[in-house]
Amino acid sequence: MAKQTSRCPELEEVVVTALADYLDKNDELFNFITIGERETAKGIIRATSILDETPERTRIMASNKPILVGYGYDIKDYTRKIKYEIALQIAKRKNGSEQFVAEGIEDNCGWYITKIE
């Protein structure tokens, strides 16, 4: 897989860190492989995931079962923050194969994670 370069490295970093922390806490095999080391976990996610971006949103699909999808939004201004809040509410209400699992805000970046069974 070719190395993907993010247009917004800060936003990508927040989402990758959120995915690493989630997997470390909820996936015993992932935790065993990374030995609980955050930087190792982030490296694995970067090497094995698919990055999809728009100017104000980053989506990272981590390749494990279930598939985890980390979404990150630049929320530095009011309009972008509203878009994040709407996307978050939609994610929380979804039924079916994609389920909401976690959320947070760090460094003007709103993020959430869903899983696809």
N, C-alpha and C. Protein backbone atom coordinates (compact mmCIF):
# COMPACT_ATOMS: atom_id res chain seq x y z
N MET A 1 0.85 -1.18 0.00
CA MET A 1 0.00 0.00 0.00
C MET A 1 0.90 1.24 0.00
N ALA A 2 0.61 2.18 -0.88
CA ALA A 2 1.39 3.42 -0.96
C ALA A 2 1.10 4.32 0.23
N LYS A 3 2.10 5.04 0.68
CA LYS A 3 1.94 5.98 1.79
C LYS A 3 1.02 7.10 1.36
N GLN A 4 0.02 7.36 2.17
CA GLN A 4 -0.92 8.44 1.91
C GLN A 4 -0.52 9.65 2.72
N THR A 5 -0.60 10.81 2.13
CA THR A 5 -0.23 12.04 2.81
C THR A 5 -1.48 12.83 3.12
N SER A 6 -1.61 13.24 4.36
CA SER A 6 -2.78 13.99 4.78
C SER A 6 -2.65 15.47 4.43
N ARG A 7 -3.77 16.08 4.04
CA ARG A 7 -3.79 17.53 3.81
C ARG A 7 -3.84 18.28 5.13
N CYS A 8 -4.29 17.62 6.17
CA CYS A 8 -4.37 18.25 7.49
C CYS A 8 -3.73 17.29 8.51
N PRO A 9 -2.41 17.34 8.66
CA PRO A 9 -1.73 16.40 9.55
C PRO A 9 -2.23 16.44 10.99
N GLU A 10 -2.62 17.61 11.49
CA GLU A 10 -3.10 17.70 12.88
C GLU A 10 -4.40 16.93 13.04
N LEU A 11 -5.30 17.05 12.07
CA LEU A 11 -6.57 16.33 12.13
C LEU A 11 -6.34 14.83 12.01
N GLU A 12 -5.47 14.44 11.10
CA GLU A 12 -5.15 13.02 10.95
C GLU A 12 -4.56 12.47 12.26
N GLU A 13 -3.69 13.22 12.89
CA GLU A 13 -3.05 12.78 14.14
C GLU A 13 -4.09 12.53 15.23
N VAL A 14 -5.07 13.43 15.35
CA VAL A 14 -6.12 13.27 16.36
C VAL A 14 -6.92 12.00 16.11
N VAL A 15 -7.28 11.76 14.85
CA VAL A 15 -8.09 10.58 14.52
C VAL A 15 -7.29 9.30 14.70
N VAL A 16 -6.05 9.28 14.25
CA VAL A 16 -5.20 8.09 14.41
C VAL A 16 -5.00 7.79 15.89
N THR A 17 -4.77 8.80 16.70
CA THR A 17 -4.60 8.61 18.15
C THR A 17 -5.87 8.05 18.78
N ALA A 18 -7.04 8.59 18.38
CA ALA A 18 -8.31 8.09 18.91
C ALA A 18 -8.51 6.62 18.54
N LEU A 19 -8.23 6.27 17.30
CA LEU A 19 -8.34 4.86 16.87
C LEU A 19 -7.37 3.97 17.65
N ALA A 20 -6.13 4.42 17.81
CA ALA A 20 -5.12 3.64 18.54
C ALA A 20 -5.56 3.40 19.98
N ASP A 21 -6.03 4.44 20.63
CA ASP A 21 -6.47 4.30 22.02
C ASP A 21 -7.67 3.37 22.13
N TYR A 22 -8.63 3.51 21.20
CA TYR A 22 -9.82 2.65 21.22
C TYR A 22 -9.43 1.19 21.03
N LEU A 23 -8.60 0.92 20.01
CA LEU A 23 -8.18 -0.46 19.75
C LEU A 23 -7.37 -1.03 20.91
N ASP A 24 -6.52 -0.22 21.49
CA ASP A 24 -5.70 -0.68 22.60
C ASP A 24 -6.56 -1.12 23.79
N LYS A 25 -7.67 -0.43 24.01
CA LYS A 25 -8.55 -0.75 25.14
C LYS A 25 -9.53 -1.88 24.82
N ASN A 26 -9.88 -2.05 23.54
CA ASN A 26 -10.99 -2.94 23.19
C ASN A 26 -10.63 -4.15 22.34
N ASP A 27 -9.39 -4.27 21.93
CA ASP A 27 -8.97 -5.39 21.08
C ASP A 27 -7.74 -6.05 21.70
N GLU A 28 -7.95 -7.21 22.31
CA GLU A 28 -6.86 -7.88 23.02
C GLU A 28 -5.69 -8.23 22.11
N LEU A 29 -5.98 -8.69 20.89
CA LEU A 29 -4.90 -9.05 19.96
C LEU A 29 -4.10 -7.81 19.56
N PHE A 30 -4.79 -6.71 19.27
CA PHE A 30 -4.10 -5.47 18.92
C PHE A 30 -3.22 -5.01 20.08
N ASN A 31 -3.75 -5.07 21.29
CA ASN A 31 -2.98 -4.68 22.48
C ASN A 31 -1.77 -5.59 22.67
N PHE A 32 -1.95 -6.88 22.41
CA PHE A 32 -0.84 -7.83 22.52
C PHE A 32 0.26 -7.50 21.53
N ILE A 33 -0.12 -7.18 20.30
CA ILE A 33 0.86 -6.86 19.25
C ILE A 33 1.60 -5.56 19.56
N THR A 34 0.87 -4.56 20.04
CA THR A 34 1.49 -3.25 20.30
C THR A 34 2.10 -3.13 21.67
N ILE A 35 1.84 -4.09 22.54
CA ILE A 35 2.31 -4.09 23.92
C ILE A 35 1.87 -2.79 24.62
N GLY A 36 0.73 -2.26 24.21
CA GLY A 36 0.21 -1.05 24.83
C GLY A 36 0.96 0.21 24.47
N GLU A 37 1.87 0.15 23.51
CA GLU A 37 2.65 1.32 23.10
C GLU A 37 1.87 2.15 22.09
N ARG A 38 1.51 3.36 22.46
CA ARG A 38 0.69 4.22 21.60
C ARG A 38 1.33 4.50 20.25
N GLU A 39 2.62 4.80 20.21
CA GLU A 39 3.28 5.11 18.94
C GLU A 39 3.31 3.90 18.01
N THR A 40 3.51 2.70 18.57
CA THR A 40 3.45 1.48 17.77
C THR A 40 2.06 1.29 17.20
N ALA A 41 1.05 1.50 18.04
CA ALA A 41 -0.35 1.36 17.60
C ALA A 41 -0.66 2.34 16.48
N LYS A 42 -0.22 3.59 16.65
CA LYS A 42 -0.47 4.60 15.61
C LYS A 42 0.24 4.24 14.31
N GLY A 43 1.45 3.70 14.41
CA GLY A 43 2.18 3.28 13.22
C GLY A 43 1.47 2.17 12.46
N ILE A 44 0.93 1.21 13.20
CA ILE A 44 0.18 0.12 12.57
C ILE A 44 -1.06 0.67 11.88
N ILE A 45 -1.77 1.57 12.53
CA ILE A 45 -2.97 2.14 11.93
C ILE A 45 -2.61 2.91 10.66
N ARG A 46 -1.58 3.71 10.70
CA ARG A 46 -1.17 4.48 9.51
C ARG A 46 -0.77 3.55 8.36
N ALA A 47 -0.11 2.45 8.68
CA ALA A 47 0.39 1.54 7.64
C ALA A 47 -0.71 0.67 7.03
N THR A 48 -1.79 0.46 7.77
CA THR A 48 -2.80 -0.51 7.31
C THR A 48 -4.17 0.11 7.06
N SER A 49 -4.28 1.41 7.06
CA SER A 49 -5.60 2.03 6.93
C SER A 49 -5.74 2.77 5.61
N ILE A 50 -6.97 3.16 5.33
CA ILE A 50 -7.29 3.93 4.13
C ILE A 50 -7.68 5.33 4.58
N LEU A 51 -7.04 6.33 3.98
CA LEU A 51 -7.28 7.73 4.32
C LEU A 51 -8.15 8.37 3.24
N ASP A 52 -9.22 9.04 3.66
CA ASP A 52 -10.12 9.74 2.75
C ASP A 52 -10.37 11.12 3.34
N GLU A 53 -10.12 12.18 2.56
CA GLU A 53 -10.22 13.54 3.10
C GLU A 53 -11.02 14.47 2.21
N THR A 54 -11.62 15.43 2.86
CA THR A 54 -12.15 16.62 2.22
C THR A 54 -11.45 17.78 2.93
N PRO A 55 -11.62 19.02 2.48
CA PRO A 55 -10.92 20.13 3.17
C PRO A 55 -11.24 20.25 4.66
N GLU A 56 -12.40 19.80 5.09
CA GLU A 56 -12.76 19.97 6.51
C GLU A 56 -13.00 18.68 7.27
N ARG A 57 -12.83 17.53 6.62
CA ARG A 57 -13.07 16.25 7.27
C ARG A 57 -12.03 15.22 6.85
N THR A 58 -11.63 14.39 7.80
CA THR A 58 -10.75 13.26 7.54
C THR A 58 -11.48 12.00 7.96
N ARG A 59 -11.40 10.96 7.12
CA ARG A 59 -11.96 9.66 7.47
C ARG A 59 -10.85 8.63 7.31
N ILE A 60 -10.66 7.81 8.33
CA ILE A 60 -9.64 6.77 8.30
C ILE A 60 -10.32 5.44 8.59
N MET A 61 -10.20 4.51 7.64
CA MET A 61 -10.77 3.17 7.82
C MET A 61 -9.64 2.24 8.23
N ALA A 62 -9.71 1.75 9.46
CA ALA A 62 -8.71 0.83 9.98
C ALA A 62 -9.07 -0.59 9.54
N SER A 63 -8.09 -1.32 9.06
CA SER A 63 -8.35 -2.63 8.48
C SER A 63 -8.24 -3.74 9.51
N ASN A 64 -9.26 -3.90 10.28
CA ASN A 64 -9.36 -5.03 11.20
C ASN A 64 -10.83 -5.45 11.25
N LYS A 65 -11.11 -6.54 11.92
CA LYS A 65 -12.49 -7.01 12.03
C LYS A 65 -12.94 -6.83 13.45
N PRO A 66 -13.99 -6.10 13.74
CA PRO A 66 -14.77 -5.32 12.78
C PRO A 66 -13.96 -4.13 12.25
N ILE A 67 -14.39 -3.60 11.14
CA ILE A 67 -13.73 -2.43 10.56
C ILE A 67 -14.08 -1.22 11.43
N LEU A 68 -13.07 -0.48 11.83
CA LEU A 68 -13.29 0.77 12.57
C LEU A 68 -13.09 1.93 11.61
N VAL A 69 -13.97 2.92 11.72
CA VAL A 69 -13.87 4.11 10.89
C VAL A 69 -13.77 5.31 11.82
N GLY A 70 -12.67 6.02 11.72
CA GLY A 70 -12.46 7.22 12.51
C GLY A 70 -12.74 8.45 11.67
N TYR A 71 -13.58 9.33 12.16
CA TYR A 71 -13.91 10.57 11.46
C TYR A 71 -13.37 11.74 12.27
N GLY A 72 -12.77 12.70 11.60
CA GLY A 72 -12.27 13.89 12.26
C GLY A 72 -12.72 15.13 11.51
N TYR A 73 -13.14 16.14 12.24
CA TYR A 73 -13.61 17.40 11.65
C TYR A 73 -12.84 18.57 12.23
N ASP A 74 -12.42 19.47 11.35
CA ASP A 74 -11.81 20.73 11.77
C ASP A 74 -12.96 21.60 12.27
N ILE A 75 -12.94 21.94 13.55
CA ILE A 75 -14.06 22.71 14.12
C ILE A 75 -13.60 24.08 14.62
N LYS A 76 -12.63 24.67 13.91
CA LYS A 76 -12.11 25.97 14.33
C LYS A 76 -13.11 27.09 14.19
N ASP A 77 -14.05 26.96 13.24
CA ASP A 77 -15.05 28.01 13.11
C ASP A 77 -16.45 27.43 13.34
N TYR A 78 -17.41 28.31 13.53
CA TYR A 78 -18.77 27.93 13.91
C TYR A 78 -19.42 27.00 12.88
N THR A 79 -19.29 27.33 11.60
CA THR A 79 -19.94 26.53 10.55
C THR A 79 -19.41 25.11 10.55
N ARG A 80 -18.11 24.95 10.66
CA ARG A 80 -17.52 23.60 10.67
C ARG A 80 -17.90 22.84 11.94
N LYS A 81 -17.99 23.55 13.05
CA LYS A 81 -18.40 22.89 14.30
C LYS A 81 -19.83 22.36 14.19
N ILE A 82 -20.71 23.14 13.56
CA ILE A 82 -22.09 22.69 13.35
C ILE A 82 -22.11 21.45 12.46
N LYS A 83 -21.31 21.43 11.39
CA LYS A 83 -21.25 20.25 10.51
C LYS A 83 -20.81 19.02 11.29
N TYR A 84 -19.81 19.19 12.17
CA TYR A 84 -19.35 18.08 13.01
C TYR A 84 -20.48 17.60 13.92
N GLU A 85 -21.17 18.52 14.57
CA GLU A 85 -22.24 18.14 15.50
C GLU A 85 -23.37 17.42 14.79
N ILE A 86 -23.70 17.85 13.57
CA ILE A 86 -24.74 17.17 12.79
C ILE A 86 -24.28 15.76 12.42
N ALA A 87 -23.04 15.63 11.92
CA ALA A 87 -22.51 14.32 11.55
C ALA A 87 -22.47 13.38 12.77
N LEU A 88 -22.09 13.92 13.92
CA LEU A 88 -22.03 13.14 15.15
C LEU A 88 -23.42 12.63 15.54
N GLN A 89 -24.42 13.50 15.49
CA GLN A 89 -25.79 13.09 15.83
C GLN A 89 -26.31 12.02 14.87
N ILE A 90 -26.00 12.17 13.59
CA ILE A 90 -26.40 11.15 12.61
C ILE A 90 -25.72 9.82 12.92
N ALA A 91 -24.43 9.86 13.22
CA ALA A 91 -23.70 8.63 13.54
C ALA A 91 -24.28 7.95 14.77
N LYS A 92 -24.68 8.72 15.76
CA LYS A 92 -25.24 8.14 16.98
C LYS A 92 -26.61 7.50 16.75
N ARG A 93 -27.35 7.97 15.74
CA ARG A 93 -28.69 7.45 15.46
C ARG A 93 -28.70 6.31 14.46
N LYS A 94 -27.57 6.05 13.79
CA LYS A 94 -27.54 5.01 12.75
C LYS A 94 -27.85 3.64 13.33
N ASN A 95 -28.58 2.89 12.55
CA ASN A 95 -28.84 1.49 12.87
C ASN A 95 -28.21 0.65 11.77
N GLY A 96 -28.13 -0.63 11.97
CA GLY A 96 -27.61 -1.49 10.93
C GLY A 96 -26.16 -1.87 11.16
N SER A 97 -25.40 -1.94 10.08
CA SER A 97 -24.06 -2.48 10.18
C SER A 97 -23.03 -1.50 10.75
N GLU A 98 -23.27 -0.19 10.65
CA GLU A 98 -22.32 0.79 11.19
C GLU A 98 -22.84 1.33 12.52
N GLN A 99 -22.06 1.15 13.58
CA GLN A 99 -22.48 1.54 14.92
C GLN A 99 -21.50 2.54 15.52
N PHE A 100 -22.03 3.54 16.20
CA PHE A 100 -21.23 4.55 16.91
C PHE A 100 -20.57 3.89 18.12
N VAL A 101 -19.26 4.23 18.36
CA VAL A 101 -18.58 3.65 19.53
C VAL A 101 -17.87 4.66 20.43
N ALA A 102 -17.43 5.81 19.90
CA ALA A 102 -16.69 6.76 20.75
C ALA A 102 -16.65 8.14 20.08
N GLU A 103 -16.37 9.18 20.91
CA GLU A 103 -16.28 10.55 20.41
C GLU A 103 -15.38 11.38 21.30
N GLY A 104 -14.96 12.54 20.79
CA GLY A 104 -14.18 13.45 21.59
C GLY A 104 -13.83 14.71 20.81
N ILE A 105 -13.29 15.69 21.54
CA ILE A 105 -12.81 16.93 20.92
C ILE A 105 -11.43 17.21 21.48
N GLU A 106 -10.47 17.44 20.56
CA GLU A 106 -9.10 17.77 20.94
C GLU A 106 -8.53 18.76 19.94
N ASP A 107 -7.88 19.79 20.43
CA ASP A 107 -7.14 20.73 19.59
C ASP A 107 -7.95 21.23 18.39
N ASN A 108 -9.16 21.71 18.63
CA ASN A 108 -10.04 22.21 17.57
C ASN A 108 -10.40 21.15 16.54
N CYS A 109 -10.33 19.89 16.94
CA CYS A 109 -10.72 18.78 16.08
C CYS A 109 -11.77 17.94 16.81
N GLY A 110 -12.92 17.80 16.17
CA GLY A 110 -13.94 16.91 16.71
C GLY A 110 -13.80 15.56 16.03
N TRP A 111 -13.85 14.47 16.79
CA TRP A 111 -13.70 13.15 16.20
C TRP A 111 -14.75 12.20 16.75
N TYR A 112 -15.03 11.17 15.97
CA TYR A 112 -15.83 10.06 16.47
C TYR A 112 -15.43 8.80 15.71
N ILE A 113 -15.77 7.66 16.32
CA ILE A 113 -15.42 6.36 15.74
C ILE A 113 -16.69 5.54 15.61
N THR A 114 -16.81 4.86 14.46
CA THR A 114 -17.88 3.89 14.27
C THR A 114 -17.23 2.55 13.95
N LYS A 115 -18.01 1.49 14.10
CA LYS A 115 -17.51 0.17 13.69
C LYS A 115 -18.52 -0.46 12.75
N ILE A 116 -17.98 -1.19 11.79
CA ILE A 116 -18.80 -1.89 10.81
C ILE A 116 -18.58 -3.38 11.02
N GLU A 117 -19.65 -4.07 11.35
CA GLU A 117 -19.56 -5.52 11.62
C GLU A 117 -19.46 -6.29 10.31
